[in-house]
N, C-alpha and C. Protein backbone atom coordinates (compact mmCIF):
# COMPACT_ATOMS: atom_id res chain seq x y z
N MET A 1 8.79 19.07 -9.31
CA MET A 1 7.41 18.65 -9.63
C MET A 1 6.46 19.82 -9.37
N SER A 2 5.62 20.11 -10.34
CA SER A 2 4.69 21.23 -10.19
C SER A 2 3.52 20.86 -9.28
N MET A 3 2.77 21.86 -8.86
CA MET A 3 1.61 21.61 -8.00
C MET A 3 0.59 20.72 -8.71
N GLU A 4 0.40 20.97 -10.01
CA GLU A 4 -0.57 20.16 -10.76
C GLU A 4 -0.15 18.69 -10.81
N GLU A 5 1.13 18.45 -11.03
CA GLU A 5 1.63 17.07 -11.07
C GLU A 5 1.43 16.40 -9.71
N ARG A 6 1.74 17.15 -8.65
CA ARG A 6 1.59 16.60 -7.31
C ARG A 6 0.13 16.26 -7.02
N ARG A 7 -0.77 17.17 -7.41
CA ARG A 7 -2.20 16.96 -7.18
C ARG A 7 -2.67 15.72 -7.94
N GLY A 8 -2.22 15.59 -9.19
CA GLY A 8 -2.60 14.42 -9.99
C GLY A 8 -2.12 13.13 -9.36
N GLU A 9 -0.91 13.16 -8.83
CA GLU A 9 -0.35 11.97 -8.17
C GLU A 9 -1.20 11.60 -6.95
N ARG A 10 -1.59 12.60 -6.16
CA ARG A 10 -2.42 12.35 -4.98
C ARG A 10 -3.78 11.79 -5.37
N GLU A 11 -4.37 12.34 -6.44
CA GLU A 11 -5.67 11.85 -6.89
C GLU A 11 -5.58 10.41 -7.36
N ARG A 12 -4.49 10.06 -8.05
CA ARG A 12 -4.31 8.67 -8.49
C ARG A 12 -4.20 7.75 -7.29
N GLU A 13 -3.45 8.17 -6.27
CA GLU A 13 -3.31 7.34 -5.07
C GLU A 13 -4.66 7.16 -4.38
N THR A 14 -5.44 8.25 -4.31
CA THR A 14 -6.75 8.19 -3.67
C THR A 14 -7.66 7.22 -4.42
N ARG A 15 -7.69 7.36 -5.75
CA ARG A 15 -8.53 6.45 -6.54
C ARG A 15 -8.07 5.01 -6.34
N TRP A 16 -6.78 4.79 -6.27
CA TRP A 16 -6.24 3.44 -6.07
C TRP A 16 -6.77 2.86 -4.76
N MET A 17 -6.76 3.66 -3.70
CA MET A 17 -7.21 3.17 -2.40
C MET A 17 -8.73 2.97 -2.37
N GLU A 18 -9.47 3.70 -3.21
CA GLU A 18 -10.92 3.57 -3.22
C GLU A 18 -11.38 2.34 -4.00
N ARG A 19 -10.51 1.77 -4.82
CA ARG A 19 -10.89 0.58 -5.58
C ARG A 19 -11.15 -0.58 -4.63
N PRO A 20 -12.01 -1.50 -5.04
CA PRO A 20 -12.23 -2.71 -4.22
C PRO A 20 -10.92 -3.45 -4.02
N ALA A 21 -10.76 -4.04 -2.86
CA ALA A 21 -9.52 -4.73 -2.53
C ALA A 21 -9.20 -5.83 -3.53
N ALA A 22 -10.22 -6.54 -4.00
CA ALA A 22 -10.00 -7.62 -4.95
C ALA A 22 -9.39 -7.09 -6.25
N GLU A 23 -9.86 -5.94 -6.69
CA GLU A 23 -9.33 -5.34 -7.91
C GLU A 23 -7.88 -4.90 -7.70
N ARG A 24 -7.59 -4.31 -6.54
CA ARG A 24 -6.21 -3.92 -6.24
C ARG A 24 -5.31 -5.15 -6.22
N GLU A 25 -5.80 -6.23 -5.66
CA GLU A 25 -5.03 -7.47 -5.56
C GLU A 25 -4.69 -7.99 -6.95
N MET A 26 -5.67 -7.96 -7.87
CA MET A 26 -5.44 -8.44 -9.23
C MET A 26 -4.38 -7.60 -9.93
N ARG A 27 -4.49 -6.28 -9.78
CA ARG A 27 -3.63 -5.39 -10.56
C ARG A 27 -2.28 -5.14 -9.92
N GLY A 28 -2.23 -4.99 -8.61
CA GLY A 28 -0.98 -4.58 -7.99
C GLY A 28 -0.68 -5.33 -6.70
N GLY A 29 -1.28 -6.48 -6.54
CA GLY A 29 -1.11 -7.24 -5.30
C GLY A 29 0.34 -7.56 -5.00
N GLU A 30 1.10 -7.86 -6.03
CA GLU A 30 2.51 -8.23 -5.83
C GLU A 30 3.29 -7.07 -5.22
N LYS A 31 3.07 -5.87 -5.74
CA LYS A 31 3.76 -4.69 -5.22
C LYS A 31 3.35 -4.44 -3.77
N GLU A 32 2.05 -4.51 -3.49
CA GLU A 32 1.58 -4.27 -2.13
C GLU A 32 2.15 -5.30 -1.17
N ARG A 33 2.24 -6.55 -1.61
CA ARG A 33 2.77 -7.62 -0.77
C ARG A 33 4.23 -7.34 -0.43
N ARG A 34 5.00 -6.89 -1.44
CA ARG A 34 6.41 -6.58 -1.22
C ARG A 34 6.56 -5.46 -0.20
N VAL A 35 5.73 -4.43 -0.32
CA VAL A 35 5.77 -3.31 0.62
C VAL A 35 5.45 -3.80 2.03
N ALA A 36 4.45 -4.66 2.16
CA ALA A 36 4.08 -5.19 3.47
C ALA A 36 5.23 -5.99 4.07
N GLU A 37 5.90 -6.79 3.25
CA GLU A 37 7.02 -7.59 3.75
C GLU A 37 8.16 -6.69 4.22
N GLU A 38 8.43 -5.61 3.48
CA GLU A 38 9.48 -4.68 3.88
C GLU A 38 9.13 -4.03 5.22
N THR A 39 7.85 -3.71 5.41
CA THR A 39 7.41 -3.10 6.66
C THR A 39 7.63 -4.05 7.82
N VAL A 40 7.32 -5.32 7.63
CA VAL A 40 7.52 -6.33 8.67
C VAL A 40 8.99 -6.42 9.04
N GLU A 41 9.86 -6.43 8.04
CA GLU A 41 11.29 -6.53 8.30
C GLU A 41 11.80 -5.34 9.10
N GLU A 42 11.29 -4.14 8.80
CA GLU A 42 11.74 -2.94 9.49
C GLU A 42 11.31 -2.95 10.96
N LYS A 43 10.05 -3.28 11.20
CA LYS A 43 9.50 -3.17 12.55
C LYS A 43 9.69 -4.44 13.37
N GLY A 44 9.78 -5.57 12.70
CA GLY A 44 9.79 -6.84 13.40
C GLY A 44 8.38 -7.36 13.51
N PRO A 45 8.19 -8.66 13.41
CA PRO A 45 6.84 -9.24 13.34
C PRO A 45 5.96 -8.92 14.54
N ARG A 46 6.53 -8.86 15.75
CA ARG A 46 5.70 -8.62 16.93
C ARG A 46 5.15 -7.20 16.97
N GLU A 47 5.92 -6.25 16.47
CA GLU A 47 5.49 -4.85 16.52
C GLU A 47 4.51 -4.51 15.42
N ASN A 48 4.45 -5.34 14.39
CA ASN A 48 3.59 -5.05 13.25
C ASN A 48 2.17 -5.51 13.57
N SER A 49 1.22 -4.58 13.59
CA SER A 49 -0.15 -4.88 14.00
C SER A 49 -0.83 -5.89 13.08
N VAL A 50 -0.41 -5.95 11.82
CA VAL A 50 -1.03 -6.88 10.87
C VAL A 50 -0.84 -8.32 11.35
N PHE A 51 0.30 -8.58 11.99
CA PHE A 51 0.62 -9.95 12.39
C PHE A 51 0.48 -10.14 13.90
N ALA A 52 -0.21 -9.22 14.57
CA ALA A 52 -0.32 -9.28 16.02
C ALA A 52 -1.00 -10.57 16.49
N GLY A 53 -1.94 -11.08 15.69
CA GLY A 53 -2.68 -12.27 16.10
C GLY A 53 -2.00 -13.57 15.76
N VAL A 54 -0.85 -13.50 15.10
CA VAL A 54 -0.18 -14.74 14.66
C VAL A 54 0.59 -15.34 15.80
């Protein structure tokens, strides 16, 4: 991957994170949810700060 391709990828990720959460949820919520679930499985629910209050 060239430097330009890498830079473009980073810019796309940055723009994605800058979008309002509601818009991200509409467009890619399913993917984000899957990633979050995988993170919980790896760390365990108690260690995952997202679920600390549960």
